Protein backbone atom coordinates (compact mmCIF):
# COMPACT_ATOMS: atom_id res chain seq x y z
CA UNK A 1 -51.59 81.19 -91.06
CA UNK A 2 -51.22 82.27 -87.46
CA UNK A 3 -48.53 81.39 -85.27
CA UNK A 4 -46.90 82.13 -81.71
CA UNK A 5 -43.28 83.61 -81.95
CA UNK A 6 -41.32 84.33 -78.93
CA UNK A 7 -39.52 86.99 -80.48
CA UNK A 8 -36.95 87.83 -77.75
CA UNK A 9 -37.10 86.65 -73.80
CA UNK A 10 -40.52 87.69 -72.37
CA UNK A 11 -41.57 89.16 -75.65
CA UNK A 12 -44.31 87.04 -77.61
CA UNK A 13 -46.12 87.93 -80.40
CA UNK A 14 -48.85 86.30 -83.18
CA UNK A 15 -47.68 86.56 -86.61
CA UNK A 16 -49.01 85.81 -90.09
CA UNK A 17 -46.55 83.36 -91.61
CA UNK A 18 -46.78 81.19 -94.79
CA UNK A 19 -48.65 78.20 -95.12
CA UNK A 20 -46.55 74.62 -95.02
CA UNK A 21 -46.01 72.90 -98.16
CA UNK A 22 -45.43 69.29 -97.41
CA UNK A 23 -42.79 67.44 -99.04
CA UNK A 24 -42.62 64.08 -100.64
CA UNK A 25 -43.14 61.48 -97.59
CA UNK A 26 -44.56 64.75 -95.39
CA UNK A 27 -48.37 65.04 -94.39
CA UNK A 28 -50.09 68.27 -93.79
CA UNK A 29 -51.61 68.25 -89.90
CA UNK A 30 -54.11 71.09 -87.91
CA UNK A 31 -52.89 71.76 -84.87
CA UNK A 32 -55.52 71.14 -82.27
CA UNK A 33 -53.55 71.42 -78.67
CA UNK A 34 -50.47 72.30 -77.57
CA UNK A 35 -48.83 72.12 -73.80
CA UNK A 36 -46.78 74.34 -72.58
CA UNK A 37 -43.17 72.69 -71.72
CA UNK A 38 -40.93 73.87 -69.04
CA UNK A 39 -38.63 74.26 -71.97
CA UNK A 40 -40.76 76.68 -73.77
CA UNK A 41 -41.00 78.64 -70.61
CA UNK A 42 -37.30 78.59 -70.45
CA UNK A 43 -37.41 79.78 -73.87
CA UNK A 44 -39.67 82.49 -73.01
CA UNK A 45 -37.52 83.99 -69.76
CA UNK A 46 -34.59 83.30 -71.93
CA UNK A 47 -33.31 80.65 -69.89
CA UNK A 48 -33.03 78.10 -72.71
CA UNK A 49 -29.34 78.04 -73.67
CA UNK A 50 -29.95 75.86 -76.89
CA UNK A 51 -32.69 78.31 -77.73
CA UNK A 52 -32.37 81.20 -80.42
CA UNK A 53 -34.80 84.04 -81.34
CA UNK A 54 -37.17 84.60 -82.73
CA UNK A 55 -38.36 81.43 -82.35
CA UNK A 56 -41.75 79.37 -82.38
CA UNK A 57 -42.16 77.15 -79.57
CA UNK A 58 -44.02 73.90 -78.86
CA UNK A 59 -43.51 70.18 -79.10
CA UNK A 60 -46.25 68.45 -76.90
CA UNK A 61 -49.43 68.43 -79.18
CA UNK A 62 -52.34 66.52 -80.86
CA UNK A 63 -52.94 67.55 -84.44
CA UNK A 64 -55.97 66.05 -87.13
CA UNK A 65 -54.10 65.35 -90.61
CA UNK A 66 -55.37 67.64 -93.37
CA UNK A 67 -53.57 65.54 -96.13
CA UNK A 68 -51.52 62.30 -96.09
CA UNK A 69 -49.77 60.14 -99.23
CA UNK A 70 -50.81 56.97 -99.62
CA UNK A 71 -49.22 54.73 -97.06
CA UNK A 72 -49.07 51.55 -95.22
CA UNK A 73 -49.67 52.27 -92.23
CA UNK A 74 -53.39 53.24 -92.56
CA UNK A 75 -53.26 57.13 -91.58
CA UNK A 76 -55.73 59.00 -93.53
CA UNK A 77 -57.15 62.35 -93.30
CA UNK A 78 -59.58 63.41 -90.70
CA UNK A 79 -57.04 61.08 -87.92
CA UNK A 80 -56.58 62.51 -84.77
CA UNK A 81 -52.41 61.82 -83.90
CA UNK A 82 -49.60 62.81 -82.11
CA UNK A 83 -45.83 63.23 -83.29
CA UNK A 84 -42.35 62.16 -82.62
CA UNK A 85 -40.89 65.73 -82.16
CA UNK A 86 -36.95 64.92 -81.74
CA UNK A 87 -35.61 65.51 -84.97
CA UNK A 88 -32.37 63.12 -85.57
CA UNK A 89 -29.67 63.28 -87.88
CA UNK A 90 -29.65 59.45 -88.69
CA UNK A 91 -25.70 59.10 -89.38
CA UNK A 92 -24.20 60.39 -86.22
CA UNK A 93 -22.56 57.66 -83.77
CA UNK A 94 -25.84 57.66 -81.70
CA UNK A 95 -28.06 57.05 -84.41
CA UNK A 96 -26.03 54.93 -85.70
CA UNK A 97 -25.89 52.75 -82.58
CA UNK A 98 -29.46 53.08 -82.25
CA UNK A 99 -29.95 55.97 -80.12
CA UNK A 100 -31.55 58.09 -81.82
CA UNK A 101 -33.23 60.12 -78.89
CA UNK A 102 -29.47 60.93 -77.90
CA UNK A 103 -28.60 62.41 -81.28
CA UNK A 104 -25.53 64.29 -81.43
CA UNK A 105 -27.25 66.67 -83.74
CA UNK A 106 -30.43 66.26 -82.12
CA UNK A 107 -32.77 69.12 -83.13
CA UNK A 108 -36.44 68.89 -80.69
CA UNK A 109 -39.12 71.11 -82.08
CA UNK A 110 -39.46 74.53 -80.63
CA UNK A 111 -35.76 74.68 -79.16
CA UNK A 112 -33.38 73.79 -82.03
CA UNK A 113 -36.21 74.13 -84.45
CA UNK A 114 -39.26 75.83 -85.38
CA UNK A 115 -42.27 74.12 -82.97
CA UNK A 116 -46.18 73.17 -83.05
CA UNK A 117 -47.64 76.64 -81.69
CA UNK A 118 -49.37 77.71 -85.16
CA UNK A 119 -52.21 76.51 -87.17
CA UNK A 120 -50.53 73.74 -89.13
CA UNK A 121 -47.38 72.02 -89.73
CA UNK A 122 -45.77 69.55 -91.85
CA UNK A 123 -44.26 66.22 -90.85
CA UNK A 124 -42.66 62.93 -92.12
CA UNK A 125 -45.16 60.03 -91.99
CA UNK A 126 -42.33 57.94 -89.98
CA UNK A 127 -42.73 60.89 -87.00
CA UNK A 128 -46.80 60.81 -87.14
CA UNK A 129 -48.12 58.36 -83.94
CA UNK A 130 -51.56 57.16 -84.71
CA UNK A 131 -53.94 58.65 -81.35
CA UNK A 132 -55.53 55.26 -80.53
CA UNK A 133 -58.95 56.33 -79.76
CA UNK A 134 -57.45 59.22 -77.23
CA UNK A 135 -59.64 63.01 -77.45
CA UNK A 136 -57.27 65.96 -78.36
CA UNK A 137 -56.28 66.67 -75.04
CA UNK A 138 -55.39 63.44 -74.37
CA UNK A 139 -53.01 63.32 -77.00
CA UNK A 140 -51.37 66.68 -76.40
CA UNK A 141 -50.41 65.44 -72.77
CA UNK A 142 -48.38 62.09 -74.15
CA UNK A 143 -45.08 63.53 -75.25
CA UNK A 144 -44.37 64.73 -71.71
CA UNK A 145 -45.62 61.46 -70.61
CA UNK A 146 -43.19 60.05 -72.94
CA UNK A 147 -40.22 61.89 -71.49
CA UNK A 148 -40.81 60.35 -68.28
CA UNK A 149 -41.55 56.77 -69.24
CA UNK A 150 -38.64 56.75 -71.09
CA UNK A 151 -36.07 57.97 -68.07
CA UNK A 152 -37.68 55.53 -65.42
CA UNK A 153 -37.32 52.87 -68.00
CA UNK A 154 -33.66 53.29 -67.69
CA UNK A 155 -33.73 52.25 -63.98
CA UNK A 156 -34.89 48.76 -64.37
CA UNK A 157 -37.60 49.01 -61.67
CA UNK A 158 -39.31 46.09 -60.65
CA UNK A 159 -42.74 45.46 -59.02
CA UNK A 160 -42.25 46.02 -55.38
CA UNK A 161 -39.38 48.59 -55.98
CA UNK A 162 -39.15 51.46 -53.75
CA UNK A 163 -39.18 54.58 -55.79
CA UNK A 164 -38.07 57.77 -54.59
CA UNK A 165 -39.40 60.95 -57.08
CA UNK A 166 -37.97 64.23 -56.15
CA UNK A 167 -40.00 67.31 -57.81
CA UNK A 168 -43.70 67.34 -58.18
CA UNK A 169 -43.98 69.10 -61.38
CA UNK A 170 -45.79 67.73 -64.55
CA UNK A 171 -42.41 65.75 -65.25
CA UNK A 172 -42.35 64.17 -61.94
CA UNK A 173 -46.10 63.48 -61.39
CA UNK A 174 -45.53 61.83 -64.85
CA UNK A 175 -42.68 59.62 -63.69
CA UNK A 176 -44.74 58.73 -60.51
CA UNK A 177 -47.44 57.25 -62.81
CA UNK A 178 -44.88 55.70 -65.44
CA UNK A 179 -43.11 53.88 -61.72
CA UNK A 180 -46.54 53.11 -60.71
CA UNK A 181 -47.06 51.35 -63.67
CA UNK A 182 -44.33 49.44 -63.10
CA UNK A 183 -45.41 48.16 -59.73
CA UNK A 184 -43.35 50.19 -57.74
CA UNK A 185 -44.01 51.88 -53.86
CA UNK A 186 -43.27 55.28 -55.10
CA UNK A 187 -42.57 58.32 -52.38
CA UNK A 188 -42.47 62.04 -54.06
CA UNK A 189 -40.87 65.07 -52.26
CA UNK A 190 -41.36 68.12 -53.16
CA UNK A 191 -41.64 72.10 -51.43
CA UNK A 192 -44.77 72.78 -52.34
CA UNK A 193 -48.08 70.79 -50.32
CA UNK A 194 -50.32 71.32 -53.04
CA UNK A 195 -47.94 69.51 -55.27
CA UNK A 196 -47.59 66.67 -52.94
CA UNK A 197 -51.78 66.64 -52.92
CA UNK A 198 -51.33 66.30 -56.60
CA UNK A 199 -48.94 63.37 -56.22
CA UNK A 200 -51.31 61.60 -53.96
CA UNK A 201 -54.29 61.94 -56.46
CA UNK A 202 -51.74 60.25 -58.69
CA UNK A 203 -51.46 57.31 -56.62
CA UNK A 204 -48.18 58.25 -54.36
CA UNK A 205 -47.94 55.78 -51.34
CA UNK A 206 -45.90 58.35 -49.56
CA UNK A 207 -45.35 62.16 -49.76
CA UNK A 208 -43.05 64.24 -47.74
CA UNK A 209 -42.44 67.80 -47.70
CA UNK A 210 -38.54 68.80 -48.94
CA UNK A 211 -37.19 71.10 -46.34
CA UNK A 212 -39.06 69.62 -43.17
CA UNK A 213 -37.16 69.44 -39.84
CA UNK A 214 -37.52 65.92 -40.27
CA UNK A 215 -37.59 64.78 -43.70
CA UNK A 216 -34.71 62.89 -43.43
CA UNK A 217 -36.33 61.10 -40.53
CA UNK A 218 -39.57 60.26 -42.49
CA UNK A 219 -38.25 58.78 -45.42
CA UNK A 220 -35.82 56.55 -43.57
CA UNK A 221 -38.96 55.33 -41.96
CA UNK A 222 -40.41 54.64 -45.30
CA UNK A 223 -37.35 52.35 -46.26
CA UNK A 224 -36.54 51.03 -42.87
CA UNK A 225 -33.10 53.11 -43.03
CA UNK A 226 -32.23 50.87 -45.87
CA UNK A 227 -32.77 53.86 -48.92
CA UNK A 228 -34.98 53.70 -52.14
CA UNK A 229 -33.79 51.51 -54.92
CA UNK A 230 -34.33 54.00 -57.61
CA UNK A 231 -34.13 57.86 -57.15
CA UNK A 232 -35.63 59.97 -59.80
CA UNK A 233 -34.44 63.68 -60.23
CA UNK A 234 -37.34 65.79 -61.66
CA UNK A 235 -36.11 69.38 -60.77
CA UNK A 236 -32.66 70.08 -62.36
CA UNK A 237 -30.90 71.35 -58.91
CA UNK A 238 -27.73 70.49 -57.50
CA UNK A 239 -29.55 70.23 -53.88
CA UNK A 240 -32.09 67.63 -55.42
CA UNK A 241 -29.36 65.81 -57.25
CA UNK A 242 -27.58 65.42 -53.97
CA UNK A 243 -30.51 64.18 -52.24
CA UNK A 244 -31.00 61.48 -54.75
CA UNK A 245 -27.54 60.14 -54.06
CA UNK A 246 -27.56 60.37 -50.26
CA UNK A 247 -31.32 58.63 -50.33
CA UNK A 248 -30.18 55.99 -52.86
CA UNK A 249 -29.69 52.62 -51.14
CA UNK A 250 -26.53 50.38 -51.81
CA UNK A 251 -26.64 48.93 -55.46
CA UNK A 252 -29.43 51.65 -56.41
CA UNK A 253 -30.17 53.71 -59.65
CA UNK A 254 -30.03 57.50 -59.84
CA UNK A 255 -32.08 58.91 -62.97
CA UNK A 256 -31.62 62.51 -63.83
CA UNK A 257 -34.53 64.07 -65.87
CA UNK A 258 -34.23 67.61 -64.40
CA UNK A 259 -32.07 69.72 -66.93
CA UNK A 260 -29.63 71.43 -64.30
CA UNK A 261 -28.03 74.82 -65.04
CA UNK A 262 -25.43 74.84 -62.28
CA UNK A 263 -22.46 72.70 -61.43
CA UNK A 264 -22.73 70.23 -58.45
CA UNK A 265 -19.85 69.56 -56.08
CA UNK A 266 -20.25 66.31 -54.59
CA UNK A 267 -17.40 63.39 -53.06
CA UNK A 268 -17.87 61.09 -56.10
CA UNK A 269 -16.40 58.14 -53.84
CA UNK A 270 -20.19 57.78 -52.73
CA UNK A 271 -21.00 56.45 -56.07
CA UNK A 272 -18.40 53.92 -55.38
CA UNK A 273 -19.00 52.94 -52.26
CA UNK A 274 -22.56 52.07 -52.99
CA UNK A 275 -21.97 51.26 -56.26
CA UNK A 276 -24.88 53.78 -57.72
CA UNK A 277 -25.95 53.45 -61.15
CA UNK A 278 -26.41 57.26 -62.28
CA UNK A 279 -28.64 57.67 -65.58
CA UNK A 280 -28.70 60.62 -67.77
CA UNK A 281 -32.16 60.65 -69.84
CA UNK A 282 -33.06 62.61 -72.69
CA UNK A 283 -36.27 62.73 -74.79
CA UNK A 284 -37.96 59.48 -75.76
CA UNK A 285 -39.03 56.86 -78.11
CA UNK A 286 -41.62 56.51 -80.62
CA UNK A 287 -42.43 53.36 -78.65
CA UNK A 288 -42.98 55.16 -75.38
CA UNK A 289 -45.62 57.20 -77.01
CA UNK A 290 -47.16 54.18 -78.52
CA UNK A 291 -47.19 52.06 -75.02
CA UNK A 292 -48.42 55.62 -73.18
CA UNK A 293 -51.39 56.11 -75.70
CA UNK A 294 -52.26 52.07 -75.28
CA UNK A 295 -52.01 52.92 -71.47
CA UNK A 296 -53.98 55.73 -71.18
CA UNK A 297 -56.36 54.49 -73.16
CA UNK A 298 -57.34 51.59 -71.08
CA UNK A 299 -58.51 54.20 -69.15
CA UNK A 300 -55.87 53.39 -66.24
CA UNK A 301 -54.34 56.66 -66.05
CA UNK A 302 -56.18 59.64 -65.78
CA UNK A 303 -53.69 62.18 -67.57
CA UNK A 304 -56.07 65.03 -68.14
CA UNK A 305 -56.26 65.50 -64.08
CA UNK A 306 -52.83 66.86 -65.16
CA UNK A 307 -54.40 69.89 -66.79
CA UNK A 308 -54.19 73.16 -64.52
CA UNK A 309 -55.49 75.73 -67.07
CA UNK A 310 -56.41 76.10 -70.70
CA UNK A 311 -55.71 79.40 -72.99
CA UNK A 312 -56.99 80.22 -76.46
CA UNK A 313 -53.64 80.53 -78.55
CA UNK A 314 -54.38 84.16 -79.21
CA UNK A 315 -53.75 84.42 -75.13
CA UNK A 316 -50.47 82.71 -75.09
CA UNK A 317 -48.58 85.96 -73.78
CA UNK A 318 -51.06 85.63 -70.52
CA UNK A 319 -50.46 81.62 -70.66
CA UNK A 320 -46.52 82.33 -70.32
CA UNK A 321 -47.16 85.01 -67.97
CA UNK A 322 -48.76 82.64 -65.82
CA UNK A 323 -46.11 80.09 -66.14
CA UNK A 324 -43.29 82.15 -65.49
CA UNK A 325 -44.93 83.33 -62.44
CA UNK A 326 -46.02 79.87 -61.32
CA UNK A 327 -46.25 79.68 -57.34
CA UNK A 328 -46.66 75.71 -57.72
CA UNK A 329 -50.25 76.02 -58.45
CA UNK A 330 -50.06 74.99 -62.11
CA UNK A 331 -48.96 71.54 -63.60
CA UNK A 332 -50.01 71.28 -67.42
CA UNK A 333 -51.21 74.41 -69.37
CA UNK A 334 -52.83 73.81 -73.20
CA UNK A 335 -53.17 76.21 -75.76
CA UNK A 336 -56.09 75.54 -77.73
CA UNK A 337 -55.55 76.19 -81.41
CA UNK A 338 -58.63 74.52 -82.83
CA UNK A 339 -61.10 71.44 -81.98
CA UNK A 340 -61.49 68.13 -84.28
CA UNK A 341 -63.28 68.78 -87.45
């Protein structure tokens, strides 16, 4: 079968590799669509610290079951599915506490282990998530949505809470959707007007251009000078983390989704003064996937509007090049491996 492999930073090739042979308790899946994640782009550009080369990327995907053992979940050949791609060890302290998303030896597909950018994969049955009637493109967007849903759930958001999302890339936009689903009033900040327009399309109540001369005044006007109940950092930058701390109201929650690569210096007494809750967020639970499949199937969230471009898998090099030079106009980019049989 064919697989897309990042051989070293800025170099990809399509390789012939052996077909996977499922072991006991595993199914054979045919890959349909894969989203290119920011982590995949970081692997391509050499900025992903956990990636070793060569590496088959990809953990946002839809698939069709080719073969599967008899099971009590009703899964059968031909079903459209997605999967939980975060492999946990099951024995570390975090796993024993039930925090499998924060496994001390986590191996995410496409990062610490080979991923789904290939024609077929094998997958343990317990990681397969039924598609709930969603189509292949919708299912390929569930994993990044789940990342944001899990993060937003850390902040204990209630209807009417004022939420600030800093960064309107795909994860920030999915965080917007997740917060709106909880009844929050959501403000989105970003440097690029095109992304702010996208945020408005997805239901943002307010948008503010980061770096505008009156940015602070605009944000203060939205909250009556009180600050935001929950601030979501979706960029991974020092300056945006500090903005979240600054804009948080007293007693607020700050949620970090963006994976920062630089040290941040600040006077930590502000956390005490405001009594802030600062939450990191990693991966997601299968329950997040299932809840979002139900939400999207209800028609309440047009997730496919997040798709900016679609490439055949044979054009993966062009897709990676486009994303590594993204001027902000690209949100989700999908690779098409095959269509449902």
